[in-house]
Amino acid sequence: MPSQDFRVRTIQSYERLLAKVDFVEAISLGLVASLAGLLLDASIKSGETVPLGVPTEYYKKNRVVVIPSLESSVSEGDCILVPGNTGTRWGRVLEIQLAGKRVSQAQAGMEAGLLLDFEVRKRVNLHLWQTPNSDLAFPPNNLFGGHGPLEVTQ
């Protein structure tokens, strides 16, 4: 029987260790985004969401959008889904403005500005997730790189 060499490989440096950890984190976030996106797409198709409308104006790297006539009521903290060909993005409503004034809720039919914690794709209907799953509703920081929720620094 041939002998096998079972030497433990050591990491060459602290920087290489960090690079390996970053790689594992990137793979993990990719899996979360991919698998959660499939579940969220199913939520849209099964009627667990209602359309909010297609924004006509985009600001602050597509994190602030204006919907000329909301199709459904929306509140601060609500979970928003944005389907797309390359995957679904999602996050929460951080702030709502009506006629330049901050409000906590906007009713259907109103023009509203929404500050979101993620970037939306242009010309796509935003969906309000009516019964969000708390395990999926609010994605981890940096899930979509610079397009999703940003890491909060204090």
Protein backbone atom coordinates (compact mmCIF):
# COMPACT_ATOMS: atom_id res chain seq x y z
CA MET A 1 0.00 0.00 0.00
CA PRO A 2 1.53 3.33 -1.03
CA SER A 3 2.14 5.82 1.75
CA GLN A 4 0.31 9.11 1.55
CA ASP A 5 1.70 12.42 2.63
CA PHE A 6 -0.75 14.08 5.04
CA ARG A 7 1.20 17.20 5.80
CA VAL A 8 -0.93 20.15 6.82
CA ARG A 9 -0.66 23.05 4.43
CA THR A 10 0.01 26.32 6.10
CA ILE A 11 -1.20 29.68 4.92
CA GLN A 12 1.71 31.74 3.72
CA SER A 13 0.64 35.06 5.22
CA TYR A 14 -2.07 36.99 6.99
CA GLU A 15 -2.99 38.64 3.66
CA ARG A 16 -3.51 35.23 2.02
CA LEU A 17 -5.73 34.17 4.92
CA LEU A 18 -7.85 37.31 4.47
CA ALA A 19 -8.02 36.68 0.72
CA LYS A 20 -9.31 33.16 1.35
CA VAL A 21 -11.90 34.42 3.84
CA ASP A 22 -13.03 37.09 1.33
CA PHE A 23 -13.35 34.40 -1.34
CA VAL A 24 -15.50 32.18 0.89
CA GLU A 25 -17.66 35.19 1.80
CA ALA A 26 -18.13 36.12 -1.88
CA ILE A 27 -19.16 32.56 -2.78
CA SER A 28 -21.56 32.42 0.17
CA LEU A 29 -23.20 35.74 -0.74
CA GLY A 30 -23.53 34.56 -4.34
CA LEU A 31 -25.32 31.43 -3.21
CA VAL A 32 -27.64 33.44 -0.95
CA ALA A 33 -28.48 35.84 -3.79
CA SER A 34 -29.05 33.03 -6.27
CA LEU A 35 -31.19 30.81 -4.07
CA ALA A 36 -33.12 33.64 -2.41
CA GLY A 37 -33.76 35.16 -5.85
CA LEU A 38 -35.50 31.95 -6.92
CA LEU A 39 -37.70 32.01 -3.82
CA LEU A 40 -38.50 35.69 -4.28
CA ASP A 41 -39.40 35.19 -7.95
CA ALA A 42 -41.79 32.45 -6.82
CA SER A 43 -43.30 34.91 -4.30
CA ILE A 44 -43.99 37.37 -7.12
CA LYS A 45 -45.55 34.68 -9.34
CA SER A 46 -47.69 33.28 -6.51
CA GLY A 47 -49.27 36.65 -5.71
CA GLU A 48 -47.47 37.34 -2.42
CA THR A 49 -46.53 40.75 -3.82
CA VAL A 50 -48.42 43.68 -5.26
CA PRO A 51 -47.00 46.05 -7.87
CA LEU A 52 -45.99 49.54 -6.74
CA GLY A 53 -45.32 50.93 -10.19
CA VAL A 54 -42.47 51.72 -12.54
CA PRO A 55 -40.34 54.68 -11.46
CA THR A 56 -39.96 57.51 -13.96
CA GLU A 57 -37.12 59.33 -12.18
CA TYR A 58 -33.95 57.95 -10.62
CA TYR A 59 -31.46 59.69 -8.32
CA LYS A 60 -28.53 58.86 -6.00
CA LYS A 61 -27.33 55.89 -8.07
CA ASN A 62 -30.91 54.58 -8.48
CA ARG A 63 -31.51 54.40 -4.73
CA VAL A 64 -34.03 57.26 -4.84
CA VAL A 65 -36.92 56.74 -7.25
CA VAL A 66 -40.08 58.66 -8.09
CA ILE A 67 -43.23 56.71 -8.93
CA PRO A 68 -45.81 59.04 -10.55
CA SER A 69 -48.84 57.08 -9.34
CA LEU A 70 -48.42 54.33 -6.75
CA GLU A 71 -50.38 51.19 -7.61
CA SER A 72 -50.42 50.15 -3.92
CA SER A 73 -49.91 51.77 -0.55
CA VAL A 74 -46.36 51.68 0.83
CA SER A 75 -44.82 52.39 4.24
CA GLU A 76 -41.33 53.05 5.53
CA GLY A 77 -39.67 49.73 6.35
CA ASP A 78 -41.63 47.77 3.74
CA CYS A 79 -39.76 45.14 1.74
CA ILE A 80 -39.49 45.81 -2.00
CA LEU A 81 -38.64 43.23 -4.69
CA VAL A 82 -37.27 44.15 -8.11
CA PRO A 83 -37.25 41.24 -10.55
CA GLY A 84 -34.79 41.13 -13.43
CA ASN A 85 -33.30 38.92 -16.10
CA THR A 86 -30.10 38.44 -14.11
CA GLY A 87 -31.74 37.97 -10.70
CA THR A 88 -34.05 39.61 -8.21
CA ARG A 89 -32.84 42.43 -6.00
CA TRP A 90 -34.63 43.34 -2.83
CA GLY A 91 -34.42 45.53 0.23
CA ARG A 92 -36.43 48.00 2.23
CA VAL A 93 -37.97 51.44 1.96
CA LEU A 94 -35.94 53.80 4.15
CA GLU A 95 -37.92 56.98 3.52
CA ILE A 96 -40.99 58.24 1.63
CA GLN A 97 -41.56 61.78 0.41
CA LEU A 98 -44.78 63.33 -0.87
CA ALA A 99 -44.51 66.83 -2.36
CA GLY A 100 -41.09 67.27 -0.73
CA LYS A 101 -42.25 66.29 2.78
CA ARG A 102 -41.27 63.11 4.57
CA VAL A 103 -44.15 60.83 5.51
CA SER A 104 -44.29 57.34 6.98
CA GLN A 105 -46.84 56.02 4.47
CA ALA A 106 -48.16 56.83 0.99
CA GLN A 107 -51.48 55.73 -0.43
CA ALA A 108 -52.16 54.24 -3.85
CA GLY A 109 -52.61 56.85 -6.58
CA MET A 110 -50.14 59.32 -5.09
CA GLU A 111 -46.86 60.45 -6.60
CA ALA A 112 -44.13 59.37 -4.20
CA GLY A 113 -40.37 59.53 -3.87
CA LEU A 114 -38.86 56.47 -2.26
CA LEU A 115 -35.41 56.19 -0.72
CA LEU A 116 -34.40 52.53 -0.89
CA ASP A 117 -31.45 50.75 0.68
CA PHE A 118 -30.52 49.19 -2.68
CA GLU A 119 -30.22 50.20 -6.33
CA VAL A 120 -33.17 49.44 -8.60
CA ARG A 121 -32.93 48.59 -12.25
CA LYS A 122 -34.44 51.17 -14.57
CA ARG A 123 -37.83 50.66 -16.20
CA VAL A 124 -38.79 47.72 -13.95
CA ASN A 125 -41.96 47.49 -11.87
CA LEU A 126 -41.22 47.50 -8.15
CA HIS A 127 -43.17 44.99 -6.06
CA LEU A 128 -44.23 45.32 -2.42
CA TRP A 129 -43.77 42.00 -0.59
CA GLN A 130 -46.94 41.79 1.49
CA THR A 131 -45.92 38.95 3.81
CA PRO A 132 -42.12 38.95 3.84
CA ASN A 133 -40.25 36.00 5.26
CA SER A 134 -38.11 37.48 8.03
CA ASP A 135 -35.19 35.18 7.10
CA LEU A 136 -35.12 36.55 3.53
CA ALA A 137 -36.70 39.98 3.70
CA PHE A 138 -33.63 42.00 4.51
CA PRO A 139 -30.50 40.80 2.73
CA PRO A 140 -27.05 40.85 4.28
CA ASN A 141 -24.76 43.84 3.76
CA ASN A 142 -22.95 43.89 0.43
CA LEU A 143 -25.08 41.05 -1.00
CA PHE A 144 -25.24 42.79 -4.36
CA GLY A 145 -21.88 44.48 -4.05
CA GLY A 146 -22.31 48.24 -4.27
CA HIS A 147 -25.84 47.77 -5.68
CA GLY A 148 -27.44 46.39 -2.52
CA PRO A 149 -27.58 47.26 1.14
CA LEU A 150 -24.41 49.02 2.12
CA GLU A 151 -22.46 48.19 5.23
CA VAL A 152 -23.29 50.65 7.97
CA THR A 153 -20.20 52.32 9.36
CA GLN A 154 -20.29 54.04 12.72
